[in-house]
């Protein structure tokens, strides 16, 4: 799956991306709210190798896409798509951006393009994201994307040695289509 937008290209992670992936995913400010963070460039390379065989059609697996600047192909982030086995028609996603590229609208641009693919070509019914409520920037982005908060689970996840809250945001295909028609 390759998706292009005016400023971005979403495509497969490549072996040459390992250092850049480790650079931002290993950054404590980026990984603070995430379940996975590589401990080394080698671990990032293994993650990329495992993604080489990943397929968007595989239920209960994460399908990771690189977020690249369209002008020079530089890796600036990544976006994961998960098709939960227990929730037919539902998709979960998560996005990570390198600090130098945050606050420029790249994550919103990438996620909007994925919404178009998930609700269009894949014909899915619902998309959702799970976020730590201390991650104010991510929560703001989800709201900008038209997602609504559905739940706030108190201390429901054990992450990095502490119990953390989990806030769930979601968007239905019908809501996406209505927003596209109105906009």
N, C-alpha and C. Protein backbone atom coordinates (compact mmCIF):
# COMPACT_ATOMS: atom_id res chain seq x y z
N UNK A 1 0.85 -1.17 0.00
CA UNK A 1 0.00 0.00 0.00
C UNK A 1 0.90 1.24 0.00
N UNK A 2 0.75 2.03 -1.02
CA UNK A 2 1.44 3.31 -1.12
C UNK A 2 0.37 4.39 -1.24
N UNK A 3 0.51 5.42 -0.44
CA UNK A 3 -0.43 6.55 -0.47
C UNK A 3 0.40 7.82 -0.62
N UNK A 4 -0.01 8.68 -1.53
CA UNK A 4 0.65 9.97 -1.66
C UNK A 4 -0.34 11.09 -1.34
N UNK A 5 0.19 12.14 -0.76
CA UNK A 5 -0.59 13.33 -0.44
C UNK A 5 0.20 14.50 -1.03
N UNK A 6 -0.29 15.71 -0.93
CA UNK A 6 0.47 16.83 -1.49
C UNK A 6 1.91 16.95 -0.96
N UNK A 7 2.13 16.61 0.33
CA UNK A 7 3.47 16.75 0.89
C UNK A 7 4.14 15.45 1.30
N UNK A 8 3.39 14.35 1.30
CA UNK A 8 3.88 13.11 1.89
C UNK A 8 3.73 11.91 0.98
N UNK A 9 4.50 10.89 1.32
CA UNK A 9 4.38 9.57 0.71
C UNK A 9 4.40 8.55 1.85
N UNK A 10 3.37 7.72 1.91
CA UNK A 10 3.30 6.63 2.89
C UNK A 10 3.60 5.34 2.14
N UNK A 11 4.67 4.67 2.56
CA UNK A 11 5.07 3.43 1.89
C UNK A 11 5.77 2.52 2.89
N UNK A 12 6.39 1.47 2.41
CA UNK A 12 7.04 0.49 3.27
C UNK A 12 8.29 1.05 3.94
N UNK A 13 8.50 0.63 5.17
CA UNK A 13 9.77 0.93 5.83
C UNK A 13 10.86 0.13 5.13
N UNK A 14 12.04 0.71 5.00
CA UNK A 14 13.16 0.09 4.30
C UNK A 14 14.32 -0.15 5.27
N UNK A 15 15.16 -1.12 4.98
CA UNK A 15 16.33 -1.35 5.85
C UNK A 15 17.14 -0.08 6.11
N UNK A 16 17.25 0.78 5.13
CA UNK A 16 18.02 2.02 5.29
C UNK A 16 17.36 3.00 6.26
N UNK A 17 16.11 2.74 6.66
CA UNK A 17 15.38 3.62 7.58
C UNK A 17 15.68 3.32 9.04
N UNK A 18 16.43 2.26 9.34
CA UNK A 18 16.61 1.82 10.73
C UNK A 18 17.18 2.92 11.62
N UNK A 19 18.17 3.63 11.16
CA UNK A 19 18.78 4.66 12.01
C UNK A 19 17.80 5.81 12.27
N UNK A 20 17.10 6.25 11.25
CA UNK A 20 16.13 7.34 11.43
C UNK A 20 14.97 6.88 12.31
N UNK A 21 14.50 5.64 12.12
CA UNK A 21 13.41 5.10 12.94
C UNK A 21 13.84 5.06 14.41
N UNK A 22 15.04 4.56 14.65
CA UNK A 22 15.55 4.54 16.03
C UNK A 22 15.71 5.96 16.57
N UNK A 23 16.13 6.88 15.71
CA UNK A 23 16.36 8.25 16.14
C UNK A 23 15.16 8.90 16.78
N UNK A 24 13.97 8.71 16.18
CA UNK A 24 12.79 9.33 16.79
C UNK A 24 12.03 8.38 17.69
N UNK A 25 11.92 7.10 17.35
CA UNK A 25 11.19 6.15 18.20
C UNK A 25 11.93 5.89 19.51
N UNK A 26 13.26 6.04 19.50
CA UNK A 26 14.04 5.87 20.72
C UNK A 26 14.10 7.11 21.58
N UNK A 27 13.61 8.23 21.07
CA UNK A 27 13.60 9.49 21.81
C UNK A 27 12.58 9.38 22.94
N UNK A 28 13.00 9.61 24.19
CA UNK A 28 12.06 9.48 25.31
C UNK A 28 10.82 10.36 25.19
N UNK A 29 10.93 11.52 24.56
CA UNK A 29 9.76 12.37 24.40
C UNK A 29 8.75 11.78 23.42
N UNK A 30 9.22 10.99 22.45
CA UNK A 30 8.33 10.34 21.49
C UNK A 30 7.81 9.03 22.06
N UNK A 31 8.68 8.24 22.65
CA UNK A 31 8.29 6.90 23.10
C UNK A 31 7.53 6.89 24.43
N UNK A 32 7.49 8.01 25.11
CA UNK A 32 6.88 8.09 26.44
C UNK A 32 5.47 7.50 26.48
N UNK A 33 4.71 7.73 25.43
CA UNK A 33 3.31 7.31 25.42
C UNK A 33 3.06 6.10 24.52
N UNK A 34 4.11 5.40 24.11
CA UNK A 34 3.95 4.31 23.15
C UNK A 34 4.32 2.96 23.76
N UNK A 35 3.69 1.93 23.27
CA UNK A 35 3.96 0.59 23.76
C UNK A 35 5.27 0.02 23.26
N UNK A 36 5.73 0.43 22.10
CA UNK A 36 6.98 -0.11 21.55
C UNK A 36 7.96 1.02 21.29
N UNK A 37 9.17 0.80 21.72
CA UNK A 37 10.27 1.71 21.38
C UNK A 37 11.53 0.87 21.28
N UNK A 38 12.30 1.06 20.22
CA UNK A 38 13.50 0.24 20.02
C UNK A 38 14.61 0.65 20.99
N UNK A 39 15.34 -0.35 21.47
CA UNK A 39 16.46 -0.09 22.38
C UNK A 39 17.74 0.19 21.61
N UNK A 40 17.74 -0.09 20.30
CA UNK A 40 18.95 0.10 19.49
C UNK A 40 18.58 0.20 18.02
N UNK A 41 19.54 0.61 17.21
CA UNK A 41 19.34 0.63 15.76
C UNK A 41 19.10 -0.79 15.26
N UNK A 42 19.77 -1.76 15.86
CA UNK A 42 19.59 -3.16 15.47
C UNK A 42 18.15 -3.62 15.72
N UNK A 43 17.58 -3.24 16.85
CA UNK A 43 16.19 -3.60 17.13
C UNK A 43 15.24 -2.92 16.14
N UNK A 44 15.53 -1.68 15.78
CA UNK A 44 14.72 -0.99 14.77
C UNK A 44 14.83 -1.72 13.43
N UNK A 45 16.03 -2.19 13.09
CA UNK A 45 16.23 -2.93 11.83
C UNK A 45 15.45 -4.24 11.84
N UNK A 46 15.43 -4.94 12.99
CA UNK A 46 14.65 -6.18 13.09
C UNK A 46 13.16 -5.90 12.93
N UNK A 47 12.69 -4.80 13.51
CA UNK A 47 11.29 -4.41 13.35
C UNK A 47 10.97 -4.20 11.87
N UNK A 48 11.85 -3.51 11.16
CA UNK A 48 11.65 -3.26 9.73
C UNK A 48 11.65 -4.58 8.96
N UNK A 49 12.55 -5.48 9.31
CA UNK A 49 12.60 -6.80 8.65
C UNK A 49 11.30 -7.56 8.84
N UNK A 50 10.75 -7.53 10.05
CA UNK A 50 9.48 -8.23 10.32
C UNK A 50 8.32 -7.62 9.52
N UNK A 51 8.40 -6.31 9.28
CA UNK A 51 7.34 -5.64 8.53
C UNK A 51 7.38 -5.98 7.04
N UNK A 52 8.51 -6.49 6.55
CA UNK A 52 8.64 -6.80 5.13
C UNK A 52 7.59 -7.80 4.66
N UNK A 53 7.18 -8.72 5.55
CA UNK A 53 6.18 -9.72 5.20
C UNK A 53 4.78 -9.37 5.69
N UNK A 54 4.64 -8.23 6.32
CA UNK A 54 3.34 -7.84 6.87
C UNK A 54 2.36 -7.51 5.75
N UNK A 55 1.11 -7.80 6.03
CA UNK A 55 0.05 -7.53 5.06
C UNK A 55 -1.12 -6.87 5.77
N UNK A 56 -1.72 -5.92 5.12
CA UNK A 56 -2.89 -5.25 5.67
C UNK A 56 -4.07 -6.21 5.81
N UNK A 57 -4.00 -7.34 5.12
CA UNK A 57 -5.09 -8.33 5.16
C UNK A 57 -4.97 -9.30 6.33
N UNK A 58 -3.94 -9.18 7.15
CA UNK A 58 -3.72 -10.13 8.23
C UNK A 58 -4.38 -9.63 9.51
N UNK A 59 -5.49 -10.28 9.92
CA UNK A 59 -6.16 -9.85 11.15
C UNK A 59 -5.24 -9.97 12.36
N UNK A 60 -5.44 -9.08 13.30
CA UNK A 60 -4.72 -9.04 14.57
C UNK A 60 -3.21 -8.86 14.42
N UNK A 61 -2.82 -8.10 13.41
CA UNK A 61 -1.41 -7.74 13.25
C UNK A 61 -1.32 -6.26 12.92
N UNK A 62 -0.16 -5.69 13.20
CA UNK A 62 0.07 -4.28 12.89
C UNK A 62 0.79 -4.19 11.56
N UNK A 63 0.30 -3.30 10.71
CA UNK A 63 0.85 -3.03 9.38
C UNK A 63 1.41 -1.62 9.43
N UNK A 64 2.74 -1.50 9.42
CA UNK A 64 3.39 -0.21 9.63
C UNK A 64 3.78 0.40 8.29
N UNK A 65 3.51 1.69 8.13
CA UNK A 65 3.88 2.43 6.93
C UNK A 65 4.81 3.58 7.32
N UNK A 66 5.80 3.81 6.50
CA UNK A 66 6.68 4.96 6.67
C UNK A 66 5.94 6.22 6.26
N UNK A 67 6.19 7.32 6.95
CA UNK A 67 5.70 8.63 6.53
C UNK A 67 6.94 9.38 6.05
N UNK A 68 6.96 9.70 4.76
CA UNK A 68 8.13 10.34 4.16
C UNK A 68 7.73 11.69 3.55
N UNK A 69 8.70 12.61 3.55
CA UNK A 69 8.50 13.85 2.80
C UNK A 69 8.50 13.48 1.33
N UNK A 70 7.53 13.96 0.60
CA UNK A 70 7.42 13.62 -0.81
C UNK A 70 8.58 14.20 -1.62
N UNK A 71 9.06 15.37 -1.23
CA UNK A 71 10.10 16.04 -2.01
C UNK A 71 11.44 15.32 -2.00
N UNK A 72 11.82 14.70 -0.87
CA UNK A 72 13.15 14.06 -0.83
C UNK A 72 13.14 12.63 -0.27
N UNK A 73 11.97 12.12 0.12
CA UNK A 73 11.87 10.76 0.62
C UNK A 73 12.35 10.55 2.04
N UNK A 74 12.66 11.62 2.76
CA UNK A 74 13.16 11.49 4.13
C UNK A 74 12.09 10.91 5.04
N UNK A 75 12.48 9.94 5.89
CA UNK A 75 11.57 9.36 6.86
C UNK A 75 11.35 10.36 8.00
N UNK A 76 10.10 10.74 8.21
CA UNK A 76 9.79 11.71 9.28
C UNK A 76 8.83 11.14 10.32
N UNK A 77 8.35 9.92 10.09
CA UNK A 77 7.42 9.31 11.03
C UNK A 77 6.95 7.96 10.51
N UNK A 78 6.04 7.36 11.26
CA UNK A 78 5.45 6.10 10.81
C UNK A 78 4.03 6.02 11.34
N UNK A 79 3.24 5.21 10.65
CA UNK A 79 1.83 5.06 10.98
C UNK A 79 1.50 3.58 10.95
N UNK A 80 0.93 3.08 12.04
CA UNK A 80 0.55 1.68 12.12
C UNK A 80 -0.94 1.51 11.99
N UNK A 81 -1.34 0.44 11.31
CA UNK A 81 -2.75 0.09 11.13
C UNK A 81 -2.94 -1.32 11.68
N UNK A 82 -3.94 -1.48 12.52
CA UNK A 82 -4.20 -2.77 13.16
C UNK A 82 -5.64 -3.18 12.88
N UNK A 83 -5.81 -4.40 12.41
CA UNK A 83 -7.15 -4.96 12.19
C UNK A 83 -7.42 -5.95 13.32
N UNK A 84 -8.10 -5.50 14.38
CA UNK A 84 -8.34 -6.40 15.52
C UNK A 84 -9.15 -7.62 15.10
N UNK A 85 -8.73 -8.80 15.55
CA UNK A 85 -9.40 -10.04 15.18
C UNK A 85 -10.82 -10.10 15.71
N UNK A 86 -11.04 -9.49 16.89
CA UNK A 86 -12.35 -9.60 17.54
C UNK A 86 -13.35 -8.53 17.09
N UNK A 87 -12.95 -7.60 16.25
CA UNK A 87 -13.83 -6.48 15.89
C UNK A 87 -13.93 -6.36 14.37
N UNK A 88 -14.76 -7.15 13.78
CA UNK A 88 -14.95 -7.13 12.32
C UNK A 88 -15.38 -5.74 11.87
N UNK A 89 -14.74 -5.22 10.86
CA UNK A 89 -15.09 -3.92 10.31
C UNK A 89 -14.42 -2.76 11.02
N UNK A 90 -13.65 -3.04 12.07
CA UNK A 90 -13.00 -1.98 12.83
C UNK A 90 -11.50 -1.97 12.54
N UNK A 91 -10.91 -0.79 12.64
CA UNK A 91 -9.47 -0.60 12.42
C UNK A 91 -8.95 0.30 13.52
N UNK A 92 -7.77 -0.03 14.02
CA UNK A 92 -7.08 0.83 14.99
C UNK A 92 -5.85 1.41 14.30
N UNK A 93 -5.46 2.61 14.70
CA UNK A 93 -4.25 3.18 14.13
C UNK A 93 -3.45 3.91 15.20
N UNK A 94 -2.19 4.11 14.90
CA UNK A 94 -1.32 4.89 15.76
C UNK A 94 -0.28 5.57 14.88
N UNK A 95 0.17 6.73 15.30
CA UNK A 95 1.12 7.49 14.49
C UNK A 95 2.24 8.02 15.38
N UNK A 96 3.45 8.04 14.84
CA UNK A 96 4.62 8.59 15.53
C UNK A 96 5.33 9.53 14.57
N UNK A 97 5.73 10.68 15.09
CA UNK A 97 6.43 11.66 14.25
C UNK A 97 7.76 12.05 14.91
N UNK A 98 8.77 12.25 14.08
CA UNK A 98 10.05 12.76 14.58
C UNK A 98 9.82 14.16 15.13
N UNK A 99 10.43 14.49 16.27
CA UNK A 99 10.19 15.80 16.89
C UNK A 99 10.41 16.99 15.94
N UNK A 100 11.39 16.92 15.07
CA UNK A 100 11.67 18.03 14.17
C UNK A 100 10.53 18.27 13.17
N UNK A 101 9.62 17.30 13.04
CA UNK A 101 8.54 17.42 12.06
C UNK A 101 7.16 17.47 12.70
N UNK A 102 7.12 17.59 14.01
CA UNK A 102 5.85 17.72 14.71
C UNK A 102 5.34 19.16 14.61
N UNK A 103 4.04 19.31 14.71
CA UNK A 103 3.43 20.65 14.71
C UNK A 103 3.34 21.29 13.35
N UNK A 104 3.53 20.53 12.28
CA UNK A 104 3.45 21.06 10.92
C UNK A 104 2.28 20.51 10.12
N UNK A 105 1.45 19.71 10.76
CA UNK A 105 0.29 19.14 10.10
C UNK A 105 0.56 17.86 9.33
N UNK A 106 1.79 17.35 9.40
CA UNK A 106 2.11 16.12 8.66
C UNK A 106 1.32 14.92 9.17
N UNK A 107 1.21 14.77 10.49
CA UNK A 107 0.48 13.62 11.04
C UNK A 107 -0.98 13.67 10.60
N UNK A 108 -1.62 14.84 10.69
CA UNK A 108 -3.02 14.96 10.24
C UNK A 108 -3.15 14.61 8.76
N UNK A 109 -2.21 15.09 7.95
CA UNK A 109 -2.26 14.82 6.51
C UNK A 109 -2.15 13.32 6.24
N UNK A 110 -1.25 12.66 6.94
CA UNK A 110 -1.06 11.22 6.75
C UNK A 110 -2.29 10.44 7.22
N UNK A 111 -2.81 10.79 8.38
CA UNK A 111 -3.96 10.07 8.93
C UNK A 111 -5.20 10.30 8.07
N UNK A 112 -5.41 11.51 7.60
CA UNK A 112 -6.57 11.75 6.70
C UNK A 112 -6.49 10.87 5.46
N UNK A 113 -5.30 10.73 4.90
CA UNK A 113 -5.13 9.88 3.72
C UNK A 113 -5.44 8.42 4.06
N UNK A 114 -5.03 7.99 5.23
CA UNK A 114 -5.32 6.61 5.65
C UNK A 114 -6.82 6.44 5.89
N UNK A 115 -7.48 7.44 6.47
CA UNK A 115 -8.94 7.37 6.64
C UNK A 115 -9.61 7.15 5.28
N UNK A 116 -9.17 7.90 4.29
CA UNK A 116 -9.75 7.75 2.95
C UNK A 116 -9.60 6.33 2.43
N UNK A 117 -8.45 5.72 2.67
CA UNK A 117 -8.21 4.34 2.22
C UNK A 117 -9.01 3.35 3.05
N UNK A 118 -9.04 3.52 4.36
CA UNK A 118 -9.74 2.59 5.26
C UNK A 118 -11.24 2.61 4.98
N UNK A 119 -11.82 3.80 4.83
CA UNK A 119 -13.27 3.89 4.61
C UNK A 119 -13.64 3.70 3.14
N UNK A 120 -12.72 3.99 2.23
CA UNK A 120 -13.00 3.84 0.81
C UNK A 120 -12.66 2.44 0.32
N UNK A 121 -11.42 2.23 -0.06
CA UNK A 121 -10.98 0.97 -0.66
C UNK A 121 -11.21 -0.24 0.25
N UNK A 122 -10.93 -0.11 1.55
CA UNK A 122 -11.09 -1.24 2.46
C UNK A 122 -12.52 -1.44 2.94
N UNK A 123 -13.35 -0.40 2.81
CA UNK A 123 -14.76 -0.51 3.18
C UNK A 123 -15.00 -0.79 4.65
N UNK A 124 -14.15 -0.29 5.50
CA UNK A 124 -14.29 -0.52 6.94
C UNK A 124 -15.36 0.38 7.54
N UNK A 125 -15.91 -0.03 8.66
CA UNK A 125 -17.02 0.67 9.30
C UNK A 125 -16.57 1.71 10.32
N UNK A 126 -15.44 1.45 11.02
CA UNK A 126 -15.05 2.28 12.15
C UNK A 126 -13.53 2.27 12.30
N UNK A 127 -12.98 3.41 12.69
CA UNK A 127 -11.55 3.49 12.98
C UNK A 127 -11.40 4.12 14.36
N UNK A 128 -10.42 3.63 15.11
CA UNK A 128 -10.24 4.17 16.46
C UNK A 128 -8.76 4.26 16.81
N UNK A 129 -8.48 5.06 17.82
CA UNK A 129 -7.12 5.24 18.32
C UNK A 129 -7.18 5.28 19.84
N UNK A 130 -6.13 4.78 20.44
CA UNK A 130 -5.99 4.75 21.88
C UNK A 130 -4.84 5.67 22.25
N UNK A 131 -5.06 6.55 23.24
CA UNK A 131 -4.04 7.54 23.57
C UNK A 131 -3.99 7.78 25.07
N UNK A 132 -2.79 8.03 25.56
CA UNK A 132 -2.61 8.42 26.95
C UNK A 132 -3.09 9.86 27.08
N UNK A 133 -3.98 10.18 28.02
CA UNK A 133 -4.53 11.54 28.10
C UNK A 133 -3.49 12.61 28.44
N UNK A 134 -2.29 12.21 28.85
CA UNK A 134 -1.23 13.19 29.08
C UNK A 134 -0.61 13.64 27.76
N UNK A 135 -0.92 12.92 26.68
CA UNK A 135 -0.40 13.26 25.36
C UNK A 135 -1.38 14.25 24.71
N UNK A 136 -1.30 15.47 25.16
CA UNK A 136 -2.26 16.51 24.75
C UNK A 136 -2.21 16.79 23.25
N UNK A 137 -1.01 16.75 22.66
CA UNK A 137 -0.89 17.01 21.22
C UNK A 137 -1.62 15.95 20.41
N UNK A 138 -1.49 14.69 20.79
CA UNK A 138 -2.19 13.63 20.05
C UNK A 138 -3.70 13.75 20.21
N UNK A 139 -4.15 14.07 21.41
CA UNK A 139 -5.59 14.22 21.61
C UNK A 139 -6.13 15.38 20.78
N UNK A 140 -5.39 16.47 20.70
CA UNK A 140 -5.81 17.61 19.88
C UNK A 140 -5.88 17.22 18.42
N UNK A 141 -4.88 16.46 17.95
CA UNK A 141 -4.87 16.02 16.55
C UNK A 141 -6.10 15.15 16.25
N UNK A 142 -6.43 14.23 17.13
CA UNK A 142 -7.58 13.36 16.90
C UNK A 142 -8.87 14.16 16.81
N UNK A 143 -8.99 15.17 17.62
CA UNK A 143 -10.18 16.04 17.55
C UNK A 143 -10.22 16.83 16.25
N UNK A 144 -9.07 17.34 15.81
CA UNK A 144 -8.99 18.07 14.53
C UNK A 144 -9.43 17.16 13.38
N UNK A 145 -9.10 15.88 13.49
CA UNK A 145 -9.47 14.91 12.46
C UNK A 145 -10.95 14.54 12.49
N UNK A 146 -11.69 15.08 13.45
CA UNK A 146 -13.13 14.81 13.53
C UNK A 146 -13.48 13.61 14.37
N UNK A 147 -12.50 13.06 15.07
CA UNK A 147 -12.78 11.91 15.92
C UNK A 147 -13.40 12.38 17.24
N UNK A 148 -14.20 11.51 17.82
CA UNK A 148 -14.83 11.85 19.09
C UNK A 148 -14.31 10.91 20.17
N UNK A 149 -14.23 11.44 21.37
CA UNK A 149 -13.79 10.62 22.50
C UNK A 149 -14.93 9.70 22.90
N UNK A 150 -14.67 8.42 22.95
CA UNK A 150 -15.68 7.43 23.31
C UNK A 150 -15.51 6.90 24.73
N UNK A 151 -14.28 6.87 25.22
CA UNK A 151 -14.05 6.26 26.54
C UNK A 151 -12.80 6.83 27.19
N UNK A 152 -12.80 6.78 28.50
CA UNK A 152 -11.60 7.12 29.28
C UNK A 152 -11.48 6.03 30.34
N UNK A 153 -10.55 5.12 30.13
CA UNK A 153 -10.33 4.01 31.04
C UNK A 153 -9.25 4.40 32.04
N UNK A 154 -9.58 4.43 33.30
CA UNK A 154 -8.66 4.85 34.36
C UNK A 154 -7.67 3.73 34.68
N UNK A 155 -6.39 4.10 34.67
CA UNK A 155 -5.29 3.20 35.03
C UNK A 155 -5.52 1.79 34.49
N UNK A 156 -5.75 1.69 33.20
CA UNK A 156 -6.09 0.40 32.59
C UNK A 156 -4.92 -0.28 31.89
N UNK A 157 -3.81 0.42 31.73
CA UNK A 157 -2.63 -0.16 31.06
C UNK A 157 -1.40 -0.02 31.93
N UNK A 158 -0.60 -1.08 31.98
CA UNK A 158 0.68 -1.05 32.67
C UNK A 158 1.73 -0.70 31.62
N UNK A 159 2.32 0.47 31.71
CA UNK A 159 3.26 0.94 30.69
C UNK A 159 4.44 1.63 31.37
N UNK A 160 5.62 1.17 31.05
CA UNK A 160 6.86 1.76 31.56
C UNK A 160 6.88 1.86 33.09
N UNK A 161 6.39 0.81 33.74
CA UNK A 161 6.46 0.74 35.20
C UNK A 161 5.39 1.51 35.95
N UNK A 162 4.32 1.91 35.25
CA UNK A 162 3.24 2.61 35.94
C UNK A 162 1.89 2.30 35.30
N UNK A 163 0.85 2.41 36.08
CA UNK A 163 -0.50 2.29 35.55
C UNK A 163 -0.87 3.62 34.89
N UNK A 164 -1.36 3.53 33.65
CA UNK A 164 -1.72 4.75 32.91
C UNK A 164 -3.15 4.65 32.41
N UNK A 165 -3.75 5.81 32.22
CA UNK A 165 -5.10 5.89 31.66
C UNK A 165 -5.03 5.65 30.15
N UNK A 166 -6.15 5.28 29.59
CA UNK A 166 -6.27 5.04 28.14
C UNK A 166 -7.55 5.72 27.67
N UNK A 167 -7.40 6.64 26.72
CA UNK A 167 -8.56 7.33 26.16
C UNK A 167 -8.75 6.83 24.73
N UNK A 168 -9.97 6.48 24.39
CA UNK A 168 -10.28 5.94 23.06
C UNK A 168 -11.06 6.98 22.27
N UNK A 169 -10.58 7.27 21.07
CA UNK A 169 -11.25 8.14 20.11
C UNK A 169 -11.67 7.29 18.93
N UNK A 170 -12.78 7.63 18.29
CA UNK A 170 -13.25 6.84 17.15
C UNK A 170 -13.97 7.72 16.14
N UNK A 171 -14.09 7.16 14.94
CA UNK A 171 -14.80 7.81 13.83
C UNK A 171 -15.45 6.71 13.00
N UNK A 172 -16.72 6.91 12.67
CA UNK A 172 -17.44 5.96 11.82
C UNK A 172 -17.33 6.36 10.36
N UNK A 173 -17.46 5.40 9.48
CA UNK A 173 -17.41 5.68 8.04
C UNK A 173 -18.47 6.70 7.65
N UNK A 174 -19.66 6.58 8.24
CA UNK A 174 -20.75 7.52 7.91
C UNK A 174 -20.38 8.94 8.34
N UNK A 175 -19.71 9.08 9.48
CA UNK A 175 -19.28 10.40 9.94
C UNK A 175 -18.19 10.97 9.01
N UNK A 176 -17.29 10.11 8.57
CA UNK A 176 -16.23 10.53 7.64
C UNK A 176 -16.84 11.01 6.33
N UNK A 177 -17.77 10.23 5.79
CA UNK A 177 -18.40 10.61 4.52
C UNK A 177 -19.17 11.93 4.65
N UNK A 178 -19.89 12.10 5.76
CA UNK A 178 -20.63 13.35 5.98
C UNK A 178 -19.69 14.53 6.07
N UNK A 179 -18.56 14.37 6.74
CA UNK A 179 -17.58 15.47 6.85
C UNK A 179 -16.97 15.78 5.50
N UNK A 180 -16.73 14.76 4.67
CA UNK A 180 -16.16 14.98 3.34
C UNK A 180 -17.16 15.70 2.43
N UNK A 181 -18.43 15.37 2.56
CA UNK A 181 -19.47 16.02 1.75
C UNK A 181 -19.64 17.48 2.15
N UNK A 182 -19.53 17.75 3.45
CA UNK A 182 -19.74 19.10 3.97
C UNK A 182 -18.51 20.00 3.72
N UNK A 183 -17.34 19.37 3.64
CA UNK A 183 -16.10 20.15 3.57
C UNK A 183 -15.66 20.48 2.22
